Amino acid sequence: RSPSQLPAVITDHSRVTQAILDFVSQIPDSAVEGS
């Protein structure tokens, strides 16, 4: 499809931007020990 025919979830950059910001705002804990 052309971009104009794609669902809004794809063409709305703000949703992807917010998802990125949500991810980097919290750092996952790790159970890995120093090697």
PDB file of all heavy atoms in Angstrom:
ATOM      1  N   ARG A   1       0.829  -1.201   0.000  1.00  0.00           N
ATOM      2  CA  ARG A   1       0.000   0.000   0.000  1.00  0.00           C
ATOM      3  C   ARG A   1       0.865   1.252   0.000  1.00  0.00           C
ATOM      4  O   ARG A   1       2.013   1.224   0.432  1.00  0.00           O
ATOM      5  CB  ARG A   1      -0.892   0.022   1.258  1.00  0.00           C
ATOM      6  CG  ARG A   1      -1.899  -1.117   1.318  1.00  0.00           C
ATOM      7  CD  ARG A   1      -2.727  -0.971   2.569  1.00  0.00           C
ATOM      8  NE  ARG A   1      -3.793  -1.953   2.620  1.00  0.00           N
ATOM      9  CZ  ARG A   1      -4.753  -1.960   3.540  1.00  0.00           C
ATOM     10  NH1 ARG A   1      -4.762  -1.041   4.488  1.00  0.00           N
ATOM     11  NH2 ARG A   1      -5.690  -2.870   3.525  1.00  0.00           N
ATOM     12  N   SER A   2       0.301   2.352  -0.428  1.00  0.00           N
ATOM     13  CA  SER A   2       0.977   3.636  -0.325  1.00  0.00           C
ATOM     14  C   SER A   2       0.847   4.118   1.104  1.00  0.00           C
ATOM     15  O   SER A   2      -0.040   3.682   1.844  1.00  0.00           O
ATOM     16  CB  SER A   2       0.329   4.657  -1.267  1.00  0.00           C
ATOM     17  OG  SER A   2      -0.985   4.943  -0.833  1.00  0.00           O
ATOM     18  N   PRO A   3       1.727   5.046   1.566  1.00  0.00           N
ATOM     19  CA  PRO A   3       1.671   5.522   2.933  1.00  0.00           C
ATOM     20  C   PRO A   3       0.303   6.058   3.319  1.00  0.00           C
ATOM     21  O   PRO A   3      -0.112   5.916   4.467  1.00  0.00           O
ATOM     22  CB  PRO A   3       2.755   6.617   2.965  1.00  0.00           C
ATOM     23  CG  PRO A   3       3.742   6.170   1.944  1.00  0.00           C
ATOM     24  CD  PRO A   3       2.918   5.564   0.848  1.00  0.00           C
ATOM     25  N   SER A   4      -0.415   6.691   2.387  1.00  0.00           N
ATOM     26  CA  SER A   4      -1.715   7.261   2.710  1.00  0.00           C
ATOM     27  C   SER A   4      -2.759   6.193   2.991  1.00  0.00           C
ATOM     28  O   SER A   4      -3.797   6.463   3.579  1.00  0.00           O
ATOM     29  CB  SER A   4      -2.195   8.156   1.566  1.00  0.00           C
ATOM     30  OG  SER A   4      -2.365   7.388   0.390  1.00  0.00           O
ATOM     31  N   GLN A   5      -2.489   4.944   2.563  1.00  0.00           N
ATOM     32  CA  GLN A   5      -3.437   3.862   2.759  1.00  0.00           C
ATOM     33  C   GLN A   5      -3.113   3.008   3.979  1.00  0.00           C
ATOM     34  O   GLN A   5      -3.860   2.103   4.313  1.00  0.00           O
ATOM     35  CB  GLN A   5      -3.457   2.960   1.519  1.00  0.00           C
ATOM     36  CG  GLN A   5      -3.975   3.645   0.263  1.00  0.00           C
ATOM     37  CD  GLN A   5      -3.830   2.740  -0.946  1.00  0.00           C
ATOM     38  OE1 GLN A   5      -2.747   2.225  -1.229  1.00  0.00           O
ATOM     39  NE2 GLN A   5      -4.923   2.521  -1.644  1.00  0.00           N
ATOM     40  N   LEU A   6      -1.998   3.291   4.634  1.00  0.00           N
ATOM     41  CA  LEU A   6      -1.582   2.475   5.752  1.00  0.00           C
ATOM     42  C   LEU A   6      -2.328   2.880   7.016  1.00  0.00           C
ATOM     43  O   LEU A   6      -2.723   4.034   7.170  1.00  0.00           O
ATOM     44  CB  LEU A   6      -0.076   2.628   5.989  1.00  0.00           C
ATOM     45  CG  LEU A   6       0.808   2.236   4.803  1.00  0.00           C
ATOM     46  CD1 LEU A   6       2.262   2.422   5.173  1.00  0.00           C
ATOM     47  CD2 LEU A   6       0.536   0.805   4.373  1.00  0.00           C
ATOM     48  N   PRO A   7      -2.500   1.931   7.956  1.00  0.00           N
ATOM     49  CA  PRO A   7      -3.150   2.253   9.218  1.00  0.00           C
ATOM     50  C   PRO A   7      -2.411   3.363   9.954  1.00  0.00           C
ATOM     51  O   PRO A   7      -1.195   3.501   9.843  1.00  0.00           O
ATOM     52  CB  PRO A   7      -3.073   0.928   9.998  1.00  0.00           C
ATOM     53  CG  PRO A   7      -2.954  -0.121   8.931  1.00  0.00           C
ATOM     54  CD  PRO A   7      -2.147   0.516   7.845  1.00  0.00           C
ATOM     55  N   ALA A   8      -3.155   4.127  10.760  1.00  0.00           N
ATOM     56  CA  ALA A   8      -2.564   5.256  11.472  1.00  0.00           C
ATOM     57  C   ALA A   8      -1.460   4.815  12.417  1.00  0.00           C
ATOM     58  O   ALA A   8      -0.534   5.562  12.707  1.00  0.00           O
ATOM     59  CB  ALA A   8      -3.641   6.007  12.258  1.00  0.00           C
ATOM     60  N   VAL A   9      -1.524   3.574  12.896  1.00  0.00           N
ATOM     61  CA  VAL A   9      -0.500   3.087  13.818  1.00  0.00           C
ATOM     62  C   VAL A   9       0.874   3.082  13.164  1.00  0.00           C
ATOM     63  O   VAL A   9       1.904   3.169  13.825  1.00  0.00           O
ATOM     64  CB  VAL A   9      -0.864   1.665  14.314  1.00  0.00           C
ATOM     65  CG1 VAL A   9      -0.735   0.653  13.191  1.00  0.00           C
ATOM     66  CG2 VAL A   9       0.004   1.259  15.489  1.00  0.00           C
ATOM     67  N   ILE A  10       0.918   3.038  11.815  1.00  0.00           N
ATOM     68  CA  ILE A  10       2.183   3.043  11.100  1.00  0.00           C
ATOM     69  C   ILE A  10       2.631   4.454  10.759  1.00  0.00           C
ATOM     70  O   ILE A  10       3.792   4.811  10.910  1.00  0.00           O
ATOM     71  CB  ILE A  10       2.067   2.221   9.796  1.00  0.00           C
ATOM     72  CG1 ILE A  10       1.648   0.789  10.120  1.00  0.00           C
ATOM     73  CG2 ILE A  10       3.382   2.213   9.040  1.00  0.00           C
ATOM     74  CD1 ILE A  10       2.588   0.066  11.017  1.00  0.00           C
ATOM     75  N   THR A  11       1.716   5.285  10.281  1.00  0.00           N
ATOM     76  CA  THR A  11       2.091   6.600   9.776  1.00  0.00           C
ATOM     77  C   THR A  11       2.189   7.663  10.865  1.00  0.00           C
ATOM     78  O   THR A  11       2.691   8.745  10.616  1.00  0.00           O
ATOM     79  CB  THR A  11       1.080   7.061   8.712  1.00  0.00           C
ATOM     80  OG1 THR A  11      -0.244   7.044   9.273  1.00  0.00           O
ATOM     81  CG2 THR A  11       1.112   6.132   7.514  1.00  0.00           C
ATOM     82  N   ASP A  12       1.709   7.392  12.070  1.00  0.00           N
ATOM     83  CA  ASP A  12       1.776   8.362  13.158  1.00  0.00           C
ATOM     84  C   ASP A  12       3.113   8.217  13.875  1.00  0.00           C
ATOM     85  O   ASP A  12       3.291   7.343  14.721  1.00  0.00           O
ATOM     86  CB  ASP A  12       0.608   8.128  14.127  1.00  0.00           C
ATOM     87  CG  ASP A  12       0.556   9.170  15.230  1.00  0.00           C
ATOM     88  OD1 ASP A  12       1.421  10.082  15.233  1.00  0.00           O
ATOM     89  OD2 ASP A  12      -0.337   9.090  16.087  1.00  0.00           O
ATOM     90  N   HIS A  13       4.072   9.100  13.543  1.00  0.00           N
ATOM     91  CA  HIS A  13       5.408   9.023  14.139  1.00  0.00           C
ATOM     92  C   HIS A  13       5.370   9.209  15.647  1.00  0.00           C
ATOM     93  O   HIS A  13       6.229   8.681  16.357  1.00  0.00           O
ATOM     94  CB  HIS A  13       6.309  10.092  13.526  1.00  0.00           C
ATOM     95  CG  HIS A  13       6.478   9.948  12.040  1.00  0.00           C
ATOM     96  ND1 HIS A  13       6.863  10.994  11.241  1.00  0.00           N
ATOM     97  CD2 HIS A  13       6.291   8.888  11.216  1.00  0.00           C
ATOM     98  CE1 HIS A  13       6.920  10.584   9.979  1.00  0.00           C
ATOM     99  NE2 HIS A  13       6.579   9.320   9.948  1.00  0.00           N
ATOM    100  N   SER A  14       4.399   9.971  16.146  1.00  0.00           N
ATOM    101  CA  SER A  14       4.369  10.289  17.572  1.00  0.00           C
ATOM    102  C   SER A  14       4.188   9.043  18.423  1.00  0.00           C
ATOM    103  O   SER A  14       4.704   8.966  19.536  1.00  0.00           O
ATOM    104  CB  SER A  14       3.249  11.290  17.879  1.00  0.00           C
ATOM    105  OG  SER A  14       1.975  10.729  17.620  1.00  0.00           O
ATOM    106  N   ARG A  15       3.485   8.053  17.925  1.00  0.00           N
ATOM    107  CA  ARG A  15       3.282   6.826  18.695  1.00  0.00           C
ATOM    108  C   ARG A  15       4.584   6.042  18.805  1.00  0.00           C
ATOM    109  O   ARG A  15       4.891   5.466  19.852  1.00  0.00           O
ATOM    110  CB  ARG A  15       2.183   5.969  18.056  1.00  0.00           C
ATOM    111  CG  ARG A  15       0.836   6.673  18.013  1.00  0.00           C
ATOM    112  CD  ARG A  15      -0.256   5.770  17.470  1.00  0.00           C
ATOM    113  NE  ARG A  15      -0.526   4.654  18.369  1.00  0.00           N
ATOM    114  CZ  ARG A  15      -1.506   3.776  18.161  1.00  0.00           C
ATOM    115  NH1 ARG A  15      -2.284   3.887  17.090  1.00  0.00           N
ATOM    116  NH2 ARG A  15      -1.709   2.792  19.012  1.00  0.00           N
ATOM    117  N   VAL A  16       5.342   6.018  17.736  1.00  0.00           N
ATOM    118  CA  VAL A  16       6.640   5.348  17.768  1.00  0.00           C
ATOM    119  C   VAL A  16       7.595   6.127  18.668  1.00  0.00           C
ATOM    120  O   VAL A  16       8.342   5.540  19.455  1.00  0.00           O
ATOM    121  CB  VAL A  16       7.221   5.212  16.353  1.00  0.00           C
ATOM    122  CG1 VAL A  16       8.600   4.550  16.395  1.00  0.00           C
ATOM    123  CG2 VAL A  16       6.282   4.403  15.457  1.00  0.00           C
ATOM    124  N   THR A  17       7.576   7.468  18.557  1.00  0.00           N
ATOM    125  CA  THR A  17       8.420   8.309  19.400  1.00  0.00           C
ATOM    126  C   THR A  17       8.147   8.080  20.870  1.00  0.00           C
ATOM    127  O   THR A  17       9.075   7.923  21.676  1.00  0.00           O
ATOM    128  CB  THR A  17       8.192   9.798  19.059  1.00  0.00           C
ATOM    129  OG1 THR A  17       8.577  10.043  17.709  1.00  0.00           O
ATOM    130  CG2 THR A  17       9.011  10.693  19.990  1.00  0.00           C
ATOM    131  N   GLN A  18       6.874   8.044  21.243  1.00  0.00           N
ATOM    132  CA  GLN A  18       6.522   7.835  22.655  1.00  0.00           C
ATOM    133  C   GLN A  18       6.946   6.458  23.125  1.00  0.00           C
ATOM    134  O   GLN A  18       7.410   6.295  24.260  1.00  0.00           O
ATOM    135  CB  GLN A  18       5.012   8.017  22.854  1.00  0.00           C
ATOM    136  CG  GLN A  18       4.597   8.049  24.323  1.00  0.00           C
ATOM    137  CD  GLN A  18       5.314   9.140  25.108  1.00  0.00           C
ATOM    138  OE1 GLN A  18       5.316  10.307  24.703  1.00  0.00           O
ATOM    139  NE2 GLN A  18       5.944   8.774  26.209  1.00  0.00           N
ATOM    140  N   ALA A  19       6.818   5.470  22.258  1.00  0.00           N
ATOM    141  CA  ALA A  19       7.249   4.116  22.626  1.00  0.00           C
ATOM    142  C   ALA A  19       8.747   4.087  22.904  1.00  0.00           C
ATOM    143  O   ALA A  19       9.203   3.431  23.844  1.00  0.00           O
ATOM    144  CB  ALA A  19       6.896   3.134  21.513  1.00  0.00           C
ATOM    145  N   ILE A  20       9.520   4.822  22.103  1.00  0.00           N
ATOM    146  CA  ILE A  20      10.964   4.899  22.304  1.00  0.00           C
ATOM    147  C   ILE A  20      11.287   5.556  23.642  1.00  0.00           C
ATOM    148  O   ILE A  20      12.110   5.063  24.423  1.00  0.00           O
ATOM    149  CB  ILE A  20      11.632   5.667  21.150  1.00  0.00           C
ATOM    150  CG1 ILE A  20      11.529   4.868  19.851  1.00  0.00           C
ATOM    151  CG2 ILE A  20      13.101   5.975  21.477  1.00  0.00           C
ATOM    152  CD1 ILE A  20      11.956   5.643  18.625  1.00  0.00           C
ATOM    153  N   LEU A  21      10.638   6.678  23.925  1.00  0.00           N
ATOM    154  CA  LEU A  21      10.884   7.400  25.173  1.00  0.00           C
ATOM    155  C   LEU A  21      10.506   6.557  26.386  1.00  0.00           C
ATOM    156  O   LEU A  21      11.193   6.586  27.411  1.00  0.00           O
ATOM    157  CB  LEU A  21      10.100   8.714  25.175  1.00  0.00           C
ATOM    158  CG  LEU A  21      10.602   9.779  24.198  1.00  0.00           C
ATOM    159  CD1 LEU A  21       9.616  10.939  24.120  1.00  0.00           C
ATOM    160  CD2 LEU A  21      11.988  10.278  24.609  1.00  0.00           C
ATOM    161  N   ASP A  22       9.417   5.805  26.273  1.00  0.00           N
ATOM    162  CA  ASP A  22       9.008   4.935  27.378  1.00  0.00           C
ATOM    163  C   ASP A  22      10.075   3.883  27.651  1.00  0.00           C
ATOM    164  O   ASP A  22      10.354   3.546  28.810  1.00  0.00           O
ATOM    165  CB  ASP A  22       7.678   4.250  27.054  1.00  0.00           C
ATOM    166  CG  ASP A  22       6.503   5.223  27.075  1.00  0.00           C
ATOM    167  OD1 ASP A  22       6.654   6.326  27.630  1.00  0.00           O
ATOM    168  OD2 ASP A  22       5.439   4.871  26.524  1.00  0.00           O
ATOM    169  N   PHE A  23      10.688   3.362  26.587  1.00  0.00           N
ATOM    170  CA  PHE A  23      11.679   2.312  26.762  1.00  0.00           C
ATOM    171  C   PHE A  23      12.945   2.806  27.425  1.00  0.00           C
ATOM    172  O   PHE A  23      13.503   2.124  28.282  1.00  0.00           O
ATOM    173  CB  PHE A  23      12.006   1.655  25.415  1.00  0.00           C
ATOM    174  CG  PHE A  23      11.323   0.345  25.253  1.00  0.00           C
ATOM    175  CD1 PHE A  23      10.124   0.245  24.590  1.00  0.00           C
ATOM    176  CD2 PHE A  23      11.859  -0.789  25.820  1.00  0.00           C
ATOM    177  CE1 PHE A  23       9.469  -0.967  24.494  1.00  0.00           C
ATOM    178  CE2 PHE A  23      11.217  -2.005  25.717  1.00  0.00           C
ATOM    179  CZ  PHE A  23      10.018  -2.093  25.049  1.00  0.00           C
ATOM    180  N   VAL A  24      13.417   3.957  27.015  1.00  0.00           N
ATOM    181  CA  VAL A  24      14.703   4.416  27.548  1.00  0.00           C
ATOM    182  C   VAL A  24      14.556   5.100  28.894  1.00  0.00           C
ATOM    183  O   VAL A  24      15.564   5.417  29.533  1.00  0.00           O
ATOM    184  CB  VAL A  24      15.406   5.366  26.548  1.00  0.00           C
ATOM    185  CG1 VAL A  24      15.680   4.649  25.236  1.00  0.00           C
ATOM    186  CG2 VAL A  24      14.602   6.640  26.325  1.00  0.00           C
ATOM    187  N   SER A  25      13.335   5.336  29.350  1.00  0.00           N
ATOM    188  CA  SER A  25      13.140   5.999  30.640  1.00  0.00           C
ATOM    189  C   SER A  25      13.326   5.044  31.811  1.00  0.00           C
ATOM    190  O   SER A  25      13.537   5.473  32.939  1.00  0.00           O
ATOM    191  CB  SER A  25      11.744   6.629  30.705  1.00  0.00           C
ATOM    192  OG  SER A  25      10.737   5.631  30.650  1.00  0.00           O
ATOM    193  N   GLN A  26      13.252   3.744  31.545  1.00  0.00           N
ATOM    194  CA  GLN A  26      13.425   2.748  32.600  1.00  0.00           C
ATOM    195  C   GLN A  26      14.455   1.716  32.157  1.00  0.00           C
ATOM    196  O   GLN A  26      14.285   1.075  31.122  1.00  0.00           O
ATOM    197  CB  GLN A  26      12.095   2.064  32.929  1.00  0.00           C
ATOM    198  CG  GLN A  26      11.042   3.016  33.500  1.00  0.00           C
ATOM    199  CD  GLN A  26       9.769   2.285  33.895  1.00  0.00           C
ATOM    200  OE1 GLN A  26       9.548   1.143  33.490  1.00  0.00           O
ATOM    201  NE2 GLN A  26       8.939   2.938  34.688  1.00  0.00           N
ATOM    202  N   ILE A  27      15.490   1.563  32.946  1.00  0.00           N
ATOM    203  CA  ILE A  27      16.556   0.628  32.618  1.00  0.00           C
ATOM    204  C   ILE A  27      16.242  -0.732  33.249  1.00  0.00           C
ATOM    205  O   ILE A  27      16.043  -0.815  34.468  1.00  0.00           O
ATOM    206  CB  ILE A  27      17.927   1.131  33.130  1.00  0.00           C
ATOM    207  CG1 ILE A  27      18.194   2.558  32.614  1.00  0.00           C
ATOM    208  CG2 ILE A  27      19.025   0.171  32.729  1.00  0.00           C
ATOM    209  CD1 ILE A  27      18.203   2.662  31.111  1.00  0.00           C
ATOM    210  N   PRO A  28      16.196  -1.796  32.465  1.00  0.00           N
ATOM    211  CA  PRO A  28      15.889  -3.112  33.031  1.00  0.00           C
ATOM    212  C   PRO A  28      16.969  -3.572  34.007  1.00  0.00           C
ATOM    213  O   PRO A  28      18.155  -3.303  33.815  1.00  0.00           O
ATOM    214  CB  PRO A  28      15.862  -4.032  31.796  1.00  0.00           C
ATOM    215  CG  PRO A  28      15.714  -3.127  30.623  1.00  0.00           C
ATOM    216  CD  PRO A  28      16.380  -1.848  31.005  1.00  0.00           C
ATOM    217  N   ASP A  29      16.541  -4.263  35.062  1.00  0.00           N
ATOM    218  CA  ASP A  29      17.501  -4.900  35.955  1.00  0.00           C
ATOM    219  C   ASP A  29      18.128  -6.092  35.241  1.00  0.00           C
ATOM    220  O   ASP A  29      17.604  -6.571  34.231  1.00  0.00           O
ATOM    221  CB  ASP A  29      16.798  -5.374  37.228  1.00  0.00           C
ATOM    222  CG  ASP A  29      16.327  -4.204  38.082  1.00  0.00           C
ATOM    223  OD1 ASP A  29      16.969  -3.140  38.035  1.00  0.00           O
ATOM    224  OD2 ASP A  29      15.308  -4.366  38.786  1.00  0.00           O
ATOM    225  N   SER A  30      19.227  -6.571  35.782  1.00  0.00           N
ATOM    226  CA  SER A  30      19.894  -7.728  35.186  1.00  0.00           C
ATOM    227  C   SER A  30      20.300  -8.712  36.270  1.00  0.00           C
ATOM    228  O   SER A  30      20.753  -8.318  37.346  1.00  0.00           O
ATOM    229  CB  SER A  30      21.135  -7.306  34.403  1.00  0.00           C
ATOM    230  OG  SER A  30      21.820  -8.438  33.899  1.00  0.00           O
ATOM    231  N   ALA A  31      20.114  -9.992  35.963  1.00  0.00           N
ATOM    232  CA  ALA A  31      20.536 -11.046  36.876  1.00  0.00           C
ATOM    233  C   ALA A  31      21.918 -11.573  36.508  1.00  0.00           C
ATOM    234  O   ALA A  31      22.443 -12.478  37.163  1.00  0.00           O
ATOM    235  CB  ALA A  31      19.524 -12.189  36.863  1.00  0.00           C
ATOM    236  N   VAL A  32      22.517 -11.008  35.467  1.00  0.00           N
ATOM    237  CA  VAL A  32      23.844 -11.447  35.016  1.00  0.00           C
ATOM    238  C   VAL A  32      24.913 -10.899  35.961  1.00  0.00           C
ATOM    239  O   VAL A  32      24.874  -9.734  36.345  1.00  0.00           O
ATOM    240  CB  VAL A  32      24.110 -10.976  33.574  1.00  0.00           C
ATOM    241  CG1 VAL A  32      25.541 -11.288  33.155  1.00  0.00           C
ATOM    242  CG2 VAL A  32      23.120 -11.629  32.620  1.00  0.00           C
ATOM    243  N   GLU A  33      25.859 -11.748  36.310  1.00  0.00           N
ATOM    244  CA  GLU A  33      26.958 -11.319  37.169  1.00  0.00           C
ATOM    245  C   GLU A  33      28.153 -10.890  36.328  1.00  0.00           C
ATOM    246  O   GLU A  33      28.290 -11.281  35.167  1.00  0.00           O
ATOM    247  CB  GLU A  33      27.371 -12.468  38.107  1.00  0.00           C
ATOM    248  CG  GLU A  33      26.263 -12.888  39.067  1.00  0.00           C
ATOM    249  CD  GLU A  33      26.720 -13.982  40.008  1.00  0.00           C
ATOM    250  OE1 GLU A  33      27.868 -14.456  39.856  1.00  0.00           O
ATOM    251  OE2 GLU A  33      25.930 -14.359  40.887  1.00  0.00           O
ATOM    252  N   GLY A  34      29.001 -10.073  36.911  1.00  0.00           N
ATOM    253  CA  GLY A  34      30.205  -9.650  36.225  1.00  0.00           C
ATOM    254  C   GLY A  34      31.031 -10.857  35.802  1.00  0.00           C
ATOM    255  O   GLY A  34      31.171 -11.811  36.570  1.00  0.00           O
ATOM    256  N   SER A  35      31.551 -10.825  34.597  1.00  0.00           N
ATOM    257  CA  SER A  35      32.266 -11.971  34.048  1.00  0.00           C
ATOM    258  C   SER A  35      33.765 -11.691  33.958  1.00  0.00           C
ATOM    259  O   SER A  35      34.189 -10.559  33.728  1.00  0.00           O
ATOM    260  CB  SER A  35      31.717 -12.298  32.650  1.00  0.00           C
ATOM    261  OG  SER A  35      32.476 -13.306  32.032  1.00  0.00           O
TER     262      SER A  35
END
